[in-house]
N, C-alpha and C. Protein backbone atom coordinates (compact mmCIF):
# COMPACT_ATOMS: atom_id res chain seq x y z
N MET A 1 0.78 -1.20 0.23
CA MET A 1 0.01 0.11 -0.03
C MET A 1 1.08 1.23 0.03
N SER A 2 0.37 2.21 -0.75
CA SER A 2 1.24 3.56 -0.83
C SER A 2 0.42 4.78 -0.56
N ASP A 3 -0.40 4.61 0.01
CA ASP A 3 -1.25 5.69 0.10
C ASP A 3 -1.42 6.28 1.69
N PRO A 4 -0.95 7.11 1.84
CA PRO A 4 -0.57 7.70 3.51
C PRO A 4 -2.02 7.56 4.06
N ALA A 5 -3.32 8.19 3.64
CA ALA A 5 -4.60 8.17 4.22
C ALA A 5 -4.67 6.81 4.43
N GLY A 6 -4.70 5.47 3.40
CA GLY A 6 -5.13 4.36 3.38
C GLY A 6 -4.44 3.70 4.55
N LEU A 7 -2.81 4.08 4.86
CA LEU A 7 -2.33 3.43 5.72
C LEU A 7 -2.72 4.03 6.94
N ARG A 8 -3.06 5.21 7.22
CA ARG A 8 -3.49 5.67 8.60
C ARG A 8 -4.76 5.12 8.94
N THR A 9 -5.70 4.79 7.91
CA THR A 9 -6.95 3.81 8.23
C THR A 9 -6.81 2.80 8.64
N LEU A 10 -5.56 1.96 8.08
CA LEU A 10 -5.23 0.54 8.36
C LEU A 10 -4.55 0.83 9.93
N MET A 11 -3.98 1.72 10.26
CA MET A 11 -3.43 1.88 11.47
C MET A 11 -4.63 1.96 12.50
N GLN A 12 -5.65 2.71 12.44
CA GLN A 12 -6.68 2.92 13.11
C GLN A 12 -7.61 1.71 13.32
N ASN A 13 -7.83 1.11 12.10
CA ASN A 13 -8.26 -0.14 12.47
C ASN A 13 -7.71 -1.09 13.08
N ALA A 14 -6.42 -1.46 12.83
CA ALA A 14 -5.40 -2.48 13.33
C ALA A 14 -5.62 -2.12 14.98
N ARG A 15 -5.53 -0.68 15.59
CA ARG A 15 -5.62 -0.31 17.08
C ARG A 15 -6.89 -0.80 17.37
N THR A 16 -8.02 -0.66 16.55
CA THR A 16 -9.24 -0.75 17.07
C THR A 16 -9.56 -2.23 17.32
N ARG A 17 -8.77 -3.31 16.46
CA ARG A 17 -9.07 -4.89 16.36
C ARG A 17 -7.98 -5.41 17.07
N ASN A 18 -7.21 -4.45 17.74
CA ASN A 18 -5.97 -4.97 18.84
C ASN A 18 -4.94 -6.06 18.07
N ALA A 19 -4.70 -5.50 16.75
CA ALA A 19 -3.61 -6.00 16.12
C ALA A 19 -2.09 -5.48 15.89
N PRO A 20 -1.67 -5.10 16.93
CA PRO A 20 -0.55 -4.49 17.21
C PRO A 20 0.69 -4.79 16.06
N ALA A 21 0.87 -5.83 15.50
CA ALA A 21 1.88 -6.25 14.55
C ALA A 21 1.25 -5.48 13.29
N VAL A 22 -0.06 -5.81 12.96
CA VAL A 22 -0.26 -4.89 11.55
C VAL A 22 -0.35 -3.31 11.64
N TYR A 23 -0.50 -2.87 13.05
CA TYR A 23 -0.30 -1.47 13.24
C TYR A 23 1.19 -1.20 13.02
N ASP A 24 2.08 -1.69 13.47
CA ASP A 24 3.33 -1.29 13.57
C ASP A 24 3.85 -1.62 12.01
N ALA A 25 3.52 -2.33 11.38
CA ALA A 25 3.93 -2.68 9.96
C ALA A 25 3.59 -1.42 9.06
N ALA A 26 1.99 -1.33 9.27
CA ALA A 26 1.51 0.18 8.52
C ALA A 26 2.22 1.23 8.96
N PHE A 27 2.51 1.46 10.42
CA PHE A 27 3.41 2.73 10.84
C PHE A 27 4.64 2.84 10.26
N ARG A 28 5.31 1.66 10.30
CA ARG A 28 7.02 1.66 9.60
C ARG A 28 6.59 2.04 7.82
N ARG A 29 5.69 1.62 7.17
CA ARG A 29 5.27 1.60 5.85
C ARG A 29 5.24 3.39 5.69
N LEU A 30 4.17 3.70 6.46
CA LEU A 30 3.88 5.12 6.05
C LEU A 30 5.10 6.29 6.37
N ALA A 31 5.95 5.80 7.53
CA ALA A 31 7.16 6.51 7.86
C ALA A 31 8.01 6.42 6.47
N ASN A 32 7.95 5.29 5.80
CA ASN A 32 9.04 5.40 4.66
C ASN A 32 8.50 5.77 3.50
N LEU A 33 6.96 6.16 3.47
CA LEU A 33 6.23 6.64 2.29
C LEU A 33 6.75 8.07 2.14
N VAL A 34 6.49 8.78 3.20
CA VAL A 34 6.37 10.36 3.28
C VAL A 34 7.51 11.10 2.98
N PRO A 35 8.69 10.93 3.43
CA PRO A 35 9.61 11.66 2.75
C PRO A 35 9.82 11.75 1.48
N GLU A 36 10.42 12.96 0.83
CA GLU A 36 10.49 13.42 -0.38
C GLU A 36 11.88 13.15 -0.99
N GLN A 37 12.86 12.78 -0.05
CA GLN A 37 14.31 12.44 -0.28
C GLN A 37 14.50 11.34 -0.87
N GLU A 38 15.78 10.88 -1.36
CA GLU A 38 16.16 9.56 -1.84
C GLU A 38 16.24 8.82 -0.73
N ALA A 39 15.57 7.59 -0.78
CA ALA A 39 15.84 6.54 0.23
C ALA A 39 17.34 6.40 0.52
N GLY A 40 17.61 6.05 1.77
CA GLY A 40 18.86 5.56 2.21
C GLY A 40 19.82 6.77 2.34
N THR A 41 19.46 7.91 2.42
CA THR A 41 20.26 9.54 2.43
C THR A 41 20.00 9.48 3.82
N LEU A 42 20.88 10.51 4.14
CA LEU A 42 20.81 11.27 5.38
C LEU A 42 19.45 11.81 5.73
N ASP A 43 18.99 12.71 4.59
CA ASP A 43 17.78 13.57 4.72
C ASP A 43 16.52 12.67 4.77
N PHE A 44 16.54 11.49 4.18
CA PHE A 44 15.39 10.56 4.03
C PHE A 44 15.28 10.14 5.25
N ASP A 45 16.46 9.60 6.00
CA ASP A 45 16.30 8.86 7.22
C ASP A 45 15.86 9.75 8.43
N PHE A 46 16.40 11.04 8.19
CA PHE A 46 16.04 12.21 9.26
C PHE A 46 14.38 12.47 9.39
N TRP A 47 14.00 12.81 7.84
CA TRP A 47 12.50 13.00 7.87
C TRP A 47 11.47 11.95 8.25
N LYS A 48 12.11 10.79 7.90
CA LYS A 48 11.21 9.39 8.11
C LYS A 48 11.29 9.32 9.60
N THR A 49 12.23 9.72 10.50
CA THR A 49 12.33 9.86 11.82
C THR A 49 11.27 10.73 12.29
N THR A 50 11.35 12.00 11.74
CA THR A 50 10.71 13.13 12.12
C THR A 50 9.10 12.87 11.88
N LEU A 51 8.94 12.41 10.64
CA LEU A 51 7.46 12.10 10.43
C LEU A 51 6.79 10.99 11.44
N ALA A 52 7.62 10.03 11.74
CA ALA A 52 7.21 8.96 12.60
C ALA A 52 6.81 9.58 14.04
N TYR A 53 7.73 10.28 14.37
CA TYR A 53 7.43 11.02 15.59
C TYR A 53 6.23 11.93 15.52
N GLU A 54 5.99 12.66 14.48
CA GLU A 54 5.00 13.62 14.35
C GLU A 54 3.54 12.81 14.14
N GLN A 55 3.71 11.56 13.98
CA GLN A 55 2.54 11.03 13.62
C GLN A 55 2.15 10.25 15.19
N THR A 56 3.23 9.88 15.89
CA THR A 56 2.97 9.60 17.03
C THR A 56 2.26 10.62 18.07
N LEU A 57 2.74 11.86 17.71
CA LEU A 57 2.14 13.16 18.71
C LEU A 57 0.74 13.35 18.13
N THR A 58 0.52 13.00 16.80
CA THR A 58 -0.75 13.28 16.30
C THR A 58 -1.77 12.37 17.09
N GLU A 59 -1.39 11.11 16.98
CA GLU A 59 -2.47 10.07 17.64
C GLU A 59 -2.45 10.34 19.21
N LYS A 60 -1.51 10.91 19.94
CA LYS A 60 -1.51 11.15 21.25
C LYS A 60 -2.56 12.25 21.61
N ASN A 61 -2.40 13.35 20.54
CA ASN A 61 -3.06 14.75 21.00
C ASN A 61 -4.57 14.57 20.08
N GLY A 62 -4.82 13.43 19.16
CA GLY A 62 -5.91 13.49 18.64
C GLY A 62 -6.24 14.79 17.41
N ARG A 63 -5.13 15.25 17.13
CA ARG A 63 -5.14 16.38 16.22
C ARG A 63 -3.62 16.35 15.49
N ALA A 64 -3.71 16.93 14.24
CA ALA A 64 -2.40 16.82 13.60
C ALA A 64 -1.51 17.56 14.27
N THR A 65 -0.20 17.05 14.80
CA THR A 65 0.69 17.82 15.59
C THR A 65 2.10 17.77 14.84
N ARG A 66 3.11 18.79 14.93
CA ARG A 66 4.19 18.81 14.15
C ARG A 66 5.18 19.09 15.22
N ALA A 67 6.26 18.57 14.86
CA ALA A 67 7.34 19.02 15.86
C ALA A 67 8.08 20.16 15.45
N THR A 68 7.44 21.42 15.80
CA THR A 68 7.59 22.45 15.36
C THR A 68 9.13 23.29 15.66
N ARG A 69 9.48 23.01 17.04
CA ARG A 69 10.85 23.44 17.28
C ARG A 69 12.00 22.64 16.42
N LEU A 70 11.80 21.23 16.37
CA LEU A 70 12.58 20.35 15.75
C LEU A 70 12.97 20.99 14.17
N ARG A 71 11.68 21.41 13.55
CA ARG A 71 11.58 21.71 12.29
C ARG A 71 12.21 23.25 12.06
N GLN A 72 11.90 24.12 13.13
CA GLN A 72 12.69 25.50 13.04
C GLN A 72 14.27 25.09 13.34
N LYS A 73 14.59 24.22 14.31
CA LYS A 73 16.14 24.06 14.31
C LYS A 73 16.80 23.56 12.78
N VAL A 74 16.28 22.69 12.32
CA VAL A 74 16.66 22.35 10.97
C VAL A 74 16.54 23.49 9.89
N ALA A 75 15.80 24.05 10.00
CA ALA A 75 15.86 25.34 9.12
C ALA A 75 16.89 26.29 9.50
N ARG A 76 17.33 26.26 10.66
CA ARG A 76 18.26 27.56 10.87
C ARG A 76 19.65 26.88 10.84
N VAL A 77 19.92 25.44 11.34
CA VAL A 77 21.41 24.66 11.19
C VAL A 77 21.39 23.47 10.30
N GLY A 78 20.41 23.24 9.77
CA GLY A 78 20.40 21.97 9.02
C GLY A 78 20.34 20.42 9.45
N VAL A 79 20.16 19.56 8.71
CA VAL A 79 19.81 18.27 9.43
C VAL A 79 20.97 17.83 10.21
N THR A 80 22.18 17.90 9.74
CA THR A 80 23.46 17.17 10.22
C THR A 80 23.52 17.58 11.47
N ARG A 81 23.66 19.18 11.62
CA ARG A 81 23.95 19.80 12.83
C ARG A 81 22.93 19.43 13.93
N THR A 82 21.57 19.42 13.41
CA THR A 82 20.44 18.85 14.44
C THR A 82 20.60 17.51 14.87
N LEU A 83 20.85 16.60 14.09
CA LEU A 83 21.24 15.18 14.47
C LEU A 83 22.15 14.99 15.61
N GLU A 84 23.47 15.87 14.83
CA GLU A 84 24.46 15.81 16.16
C GLU A 84 24.30 16.39 17.26
N ASP A 85 23.46 17.29 17.58
CA ASP A 85 23.05 17.99 18.69
C ASP A 85 22.08 16.96 19.59
N LEU A 86 21.18 16.33 18.98
CA LEU A 86 20.33 15.13 19.63
C LEU A 86 21.22 14.22 20.24
N ALA A 87 22.12 14.10 19.57
CA ALA A 87 22.64 12.61 19.77
C ALA A 87 23.78 13.02 20.90
N THR A 88 24.30 14.33 21.23
CA THR A 88 25.31 14.85 22.01
C THR A 88 24.53 15.48 23.32
N ALA A 89 23.15 15.50 23.18
CA ALA A 89 22.58 16.00 24.42
C ALA A 89 22.77 15.25 25.62
N THR A 90 22.60 16.03 26.82
CA THR A 90 22.84 15.36 27.89
C THR A 90 21.76 14.51 28.74
N THR A 91 20.55 14.53 27.89
CA THR A 91 19.44 13.95 28.15
C THR A 91 18.50 13.20 26.85
N PRO A 92 18.19 12.22 26.80
CA PRO A 92 17.63 11.91 25.45
C PRO A 92 16.22 12.62 25.10
N SER A 93 16.24 13.00 23.79
CA SER A 93 14.80 13.71 23.29
C SER A 93 13.71 13.17 23.57
N ASP A 94 12.64 13.91 23.48
CA ASP A 94 11.28 13.40 23.70
C ASP A 94 11.24 12.17 22.37
N GLY A 95 11.34 12.72 21.32
CA GLY A 95 11.37 11.66 19.93
C GLY A 95 11.88 10.14 20.66
N PHE A 96 13.23 10.24 21.09
CA PHE A 96 13.82 9.33 21.31
C PHE A 96 12.91 8.31 22.24
N GLU A 97 12.72 8.99 23.48
CA GLU A 97 11.98 8.26 24.40
C GLU A 97 10.61 7.67 23.82
N VAL A 98 9.75 8.46 23.10
CA VAL A 98 8.72 7.73 22.42
C VAL A 98 8.80 6.77 21.33
N LEU A 99 10.05 7.04 20.60
CA LEU A 99 10.10 5.91 19.48
C LEU A 99 10.65 4.54 20.38
N MET A 100 11.63 4.75 21.58
CA MET A 100 12.24 3.60 22.12
C MET A 100 10.87 2.98 22.65
N ALA A 101 9.96 3.79 23.28
CA ALA A 101 8.82 3.00 24.06
C ALA A 101 7.83 2.44 23.12
N ARG A 102 8.06 2.65 21.74
CA ARG A 102 7.04 2.06 20.71
C ARG A 102 7.73 0.68 20.16
N GLY A 103 9.10 0.57 20.61
CA GLY A 103 9.97 -0.56 20.06
C GLY A 103 10.59 -0.39 18.67
N MET A 104 10.91 1.04 18.64
CA MET A 104 11.28 1.38 17.03
C MET A 104 12.63 2.21 17.19
N PRO A 105 13.54 1.57 17.80
CA PRO A 105 14.92 2.19 18.16
C PRO A 105 15.61 2.70 16.37
N GLU A 106 15.35 1.88 15.48
CA GLU A 106 15.90 2.19 14.47
C GLU A 106 15.19 3.51 13.56
N LEU A 107 14.21 3.97 14.33
CA LEU A 107 13.79 5.33 13.97
C LEU A 107 14.30 6.78 14.82
N THR A 108 15.15 6.19 15.76
CA THR A 108 15.50 7.23 16.41
C THR A 108 16.79 8.03 15.63
N ALA A 109 16.85 9.52 16.17
CA ALA A 109 17.94 10.32 15.59
C ALA A 109 19.45 9.71 15.87
N GLU A 110 19.48 8.77 17.01
CA GLU A 110 20.81 8.20 17.45
C GLU A 110 21.14 7.07 16.44
N ALA A 111 20.31 6.30 15.76
CA ALA A 111 20.34 5.31 15.13
C ALA A 111 20.83 5.69 13.85
N ILE A 112 20.02 7.00 13.39
CA ILE A 112 20.74 7.92 12.24
C ILE A 112 21.96 7.98 12.18
N VAL A 113 22.53 8.67 13.41
CA VAL A 113 23.86 8.94 13.50
C VAL A 113 24.82 7.63 13.27
N LEU A 114 24.51 6.63 13.98
CA LEU A 114 25.25 5.60 13.83
C LEU A 114 25.26 5.04 12.31
N GLN A 115 24.15 5.00 11.49
CA GLN A 115 23.91 4.51 10.21
C GLN A 115 24.77 5.59 9.26
N HIS A 116 24.96 6.76 9.37
CA HIS A 116 25.69 7.61 8.42
C HIS A 116 26.66 8.11 9.35
N ARG A 117 27.62 7.38 10.26
CA ARG A 117 28.55 7.65 11.08
C ARG A 117 29.98 8.71 10.51
N ALA A 118 29.97 8.56 9.08
CA ALA A 118 30.97 9.29 8.27
C ALA A 118 30.85 10.67 8.44
N ARG A 119 29.36 11.05 8.66
CA ARG A 119 28.83 12.53 8.60
C ARG A 119 28.91 13.31 9.72
N PHE A 120 29.22 12.49 11.03
CA PHE A 120 29.16 12.92 12.34
C PHE A 120 30.41 12.91 12.89
N SER A 121 30.64 13.70 14.05
CA SER A 121 31.92 13.75 14.99
C SER A 121 31.94 12.45 15.69
N GLU A 122 33.30 12.04 16.06
CA GLU A 122 33.49 11.07 16.91
C GLU A 122 32.71 10.74 18.14
N ALA A 123 32.46 12.08 18.77
CA ALA A 123 31.87 12.33 19.87
C ALA A 123 30.25 11.95 19.79
N ALA A 124 29.70 12.62 18.57
CA ALA A 124 28.23 12.18 18.46
C ALA A 124 28.12 10.74 18.10
N VAL A 125 28.77 10.02 17.43
CA VAL A 125 28.62 8.70 17.30
C VAL A 125 28.72 7.73 18.37
N GLU A 126 29.75 8.13 19.32
CA GLU A 126 29.92 7.44 20.43
C GLU A 126 28.86 7.85 21.57
N ALA A 127 28.25 8.70 21.65
CA ALA A 127 27.16 9.23 22.26
C ALA A 127 25.95 8.72 21.81
N ALA A 128 25.69 8.39 20.58
CA ALA A 128 24.56 7.90 20.09
C ALA A 128 24.54 6.27 20.35
N GLY A 129 25.70 5.67 20.21
CA GLY A 129 25.96 4.25 20.80
C GLY A 129 25.62 4.06 22.02
N ARG A 130 26.23 4.73 23.04
CA ARG A 130 25.85 4.83 24.52
C ARG A 130 24.61 5.01 24.90
N ARG A 131 24.00 5.79 24.03
CA ARG A 131 22.28 6.01 24.52
C ARG A 131 21.62 4.83 24.20
N LEU A 132 21.79 4.18 22.77
CA LEU A 132 20.85 3.43 22.46
C LEU A 132 21.06 1.99 23.02
N GLU A 133 22.67 1.90 23.59
CA GLU A 133 22.88 0.74 24.20
C GLU A 133 22.54 0.57 25.68
N ALA A 134 22.51 1.96 26.21
CA ALA A 134 21.88 1.88 27.71
C ALA A 134 20.35 1.65 27.79
N SER A 135 19.72 1.98 26.37
CA SER A 135 18.30 1.68 26.36
C SER A 135 17.79 0.33 25.85
N GLY A 136 18.90 -0.62 25.76
CA GLY A 136 18.53 -2.08 25.56
C GLY A 136 18.62 -2.09 24.02
N ALA A 137 18.94 -1.41 23.15
CA ALA A 137 19.07 -1.54 21.52
C ALA A 137 20.18 -2.33 21.25
N ASP A 138 20.10 -3.45 20.08
CA ASP A 138 21.01 -4.14 19.60
C ASP A 138 21.66 -3.10 18.67
N LEU A 139 23.32 -2.80 19.01
CA LEU A 139 24.04 -2.13 18.05
C LEU A 139 24.38 -2.59 17.07
N ALA A 140 24.52 -3.88 16.88
CA ALA A 140 24.95 -4.61 15.75
C ALA A 140 24.12 -4.39 14.64
N ALA A 141 22.90 -3.91 14.76
CA ALA A 141 22.00 -3.62 13.78
C ALA A 141 22.27 -2.07 13.12
N TYR A 142 23.14 -1.38 13.61
CA TYR A 142 23.35 0.00 13.05
C TYR A 142 25.16 0.17 12.64
N LEU A 143 25.73 -1.04 12.82
CA LEU A 143 27.14 -1.03 12.59
C LEU A 143 27.15 -1.36 11.10
N PRO A 144 28.18 -0.76 10.55
CA PRO A 144 28.49 -1.04 8.76
C PRO A 144 28.98 -2.49 8.94
N THR A 145 28.50 -3.35 7.67
CA THR A 145 28.71 -4.82 7.70
C THR A 145 30.13 -4.79 7.12
N PRO A 146 30.88 -5.71 7.26
CA PRO A 146 32.15 -5.54 6.83
C PRO A 146 32.15 -6.32 5.26
N PRO A 147 32.89 -5.98 4.43
CA PRO A 147 32.76 -6.59 2.80
C PRO A 147 32.97 -8.06 2.99
N GLU A 148 32.34 -8.87 2.06
CA GLU A 148 32.74 -10.22 2.03
C GLU A 148 34.14 -10.44 1.25
N GLU A 149 34.79 -11.36 1.70
CA GLU A 149 35.98 -11.79 1.08
C GLU A 149 35.79 -12.85 -0.04
């Protein structure tokens, strides 16, 4: 399914019918559909995470809710600096907490930093790894795979 409205309806129906696996699959599909950037890029991964967080806020608040301060920061300093700051902050962001509570560590800013480690400072990569590890995430999922010989 590639229709955002249809996926939101599917998510709502899955929640009503107590089908968390269907809900999670539709949620992840929705997050992958919406970004306008090329899949696999830093920008795509960032916006996928942002949209997943905003979808969670929308469900919680019962109305469309945007991560306004996050979007304003991106407009000021860019995606890379925003992710760097989120990873090195002394406390986890609300987005990190919400996405971890949903069992979606792969959608956190910290996971993005690890997946695109060449774009970030060593301090940010280490901080992201520590935060994910402390939260029980499997870091091996975010490490680059060695080339086959």
